[in-house]
């Protein structure tokens, strides 16, 4: 069962890499991003990837207090479990 899980994980990662490369090659046009202090030109795929990574980090940081609270509750219940 463990081997099947590893195989499925590898297949999923390979699919994501192939999909990502196809997306990057299809969206290689340059776009201008206007910041408050300047302008930067970059490929559209890099802009989308940056937005995705930023969203993942912000979402993880937003969920972090709940994750920590649940881990503390779990350890409390495991220590005070009736025999």
Protein backbone atom coordinates (compact mmCIF):
# COMPACT_ATOMS: atom_id res chain seq x y z
CA UNK A 1 0.00 0.00 0.00
CA UNK A 2 2.85 2.37 0.84
CA UNK A 3 4.46 1.72 -2.55
CA UNK A 4 1.18 2.54 -4.30
CA UNK A 5 0.95 5.84 -2.40
CA UNK A 6 4.49 6.78 -3.45
CA UNK A 7 3.75 5.84 -7.04
CA UNK A 8 0.58 7.96 -7.08
CA UNK A 9 2.48 10.90 -5.56
CA UNK A 10 5.17 10.64 -8.24
CA UNK A 11 2.55 10.47 -11.00
CA UNK A 12 0.77 13.51 -9.56
CA UNK A 13 4.01 15.51 -9.35
CA UNK A 14 4.97 14.58 -12.92
CA UNK A 15 1.52 15.60 -14.14
CA UNK A 16 1.84 18.95 -12.35
CA UNK A 17 5.29 19.55 -13.84
CA UNK A 18 4.15 18.74 -17.38
CA UNK A 19 1.03 20.90 -16.96
CA UNK A 20 3.12 23.74 -15.51
CA UNK A 21 5.65 23.62 -18.34
CA UNK A 22 2.86 23.62 -20.91
CA UNK A 23 1.28 26.61 -19.18
CA UNK A 24 4.60 28.47 -19.05
CA UNK A 25 5.31 27.84 -22.73
CA UNK A 26 1.81 28.93 -23.75
CA UNK A 27 1.98 32.15 -21.71
CA UNK A 28 5.49 33.41 -22.36
CA UNK A 29 4.32 36.87 -23.52
CA UNK A 30 5.85 39.78 -21.65
CA UNK A 31 3.59 41.97 -19.52
CA UNK A 32 4.30 45.17 -17.63
CA UNK A 33 3.52 45.24 -13.93
CA UNK A 34 3.15 48.74 -12.49
CA UNK A 35 4.13 49.00 -8.83
CA UNK A 36 3.74 52.08 -6.66
CA UNK A 37 7.44 52.86 -7.07
CA UNK A 38 8.15 51.57 -10.57
CA UNK A 39 7.43 49.21 -13.44
CA UNK A 40 8.73 45.72 -14.15
CA UNK A 41 8.42 43.62 -17.31
CA UNK A 42 8.11 39.84 -16.86
CA UNK A 43 6.57 36.81 -18.58
CA UNK A 44 2.88 36.32 -17.83
CA UNK A 45 3.49 32.79 -16.56
CA UNK A 46 5.94 34.09 -13.94
CA UNK A 47 3.40 36.67 -12.79
CA UNK A 48 0.72 33.99 -12.40
CA UNK A 49 3.17 31.66 -10.62
CA UNK A 50 4.14 34.47 -8.24
CA UNK A 51 0.48 35.18 -7.47
CA UNK A 52 -0.11 31.46 -6.84
CA UNK A 53 2.84 31.18 -4.46
CA UNK A 54 1.84 34.37 -2.64
CA UNK A 55 -1.72 33.06 -2.26
CA UNK A 56 -0.48 29.72 -0.92
CA UNK A 57 1.75 31.44 1.65
CA UNK A 58 -0.99 33.83 2.79
CA UNK A 59 -3.50 30.98 3.03
CA UNK A 60 -1.07 28.85 5.04
CA UNK A 61 -0.32 31.73 7.39
CA UNK A 62 -4.06 32.36 7.84
CA UNK A 63 -4.65 28.69 8.71
CA UNK A 64 -1.62 28.39 11.00
CA UNK A 65 -3.35 29.52 14.25
CA UNK A 66 -6.12 26.96 13.73
CA UNK A 67 -3.62 24.19 12.97
CA UNK A 68 -1.62 24.98 16.11
CA UNK A 69 -4.76 25.11 18.26
CA UNK A 70 -5.96 21.75 16.94
CA UNK A 71 -2.57 20.14 17.56
CA UNK A 72 -2.59 21.43 21.15
CA UNK A 73 -6.12 20.09 21.67
CA UNK A 74 -5.14 16.72 20.21
CA UNK A 75 -2.16 16.36 22.52
CA UNK A 76 -4.33 17.39 25.50
CA UNK A 77 -6.95 14.75 24.70
CA UNK A 78 -4.29 12.10 24.12
CA UNK A 79 -2.74 12.81 27.53
CA UNK A 80 -6.08 12.84 29.35
CA UNK A 81 -7.60 9.84 27.60
CA UNK A 82 -9.39 7.35 29.85
CA UNK A 83 -7.61 3.96 29.96
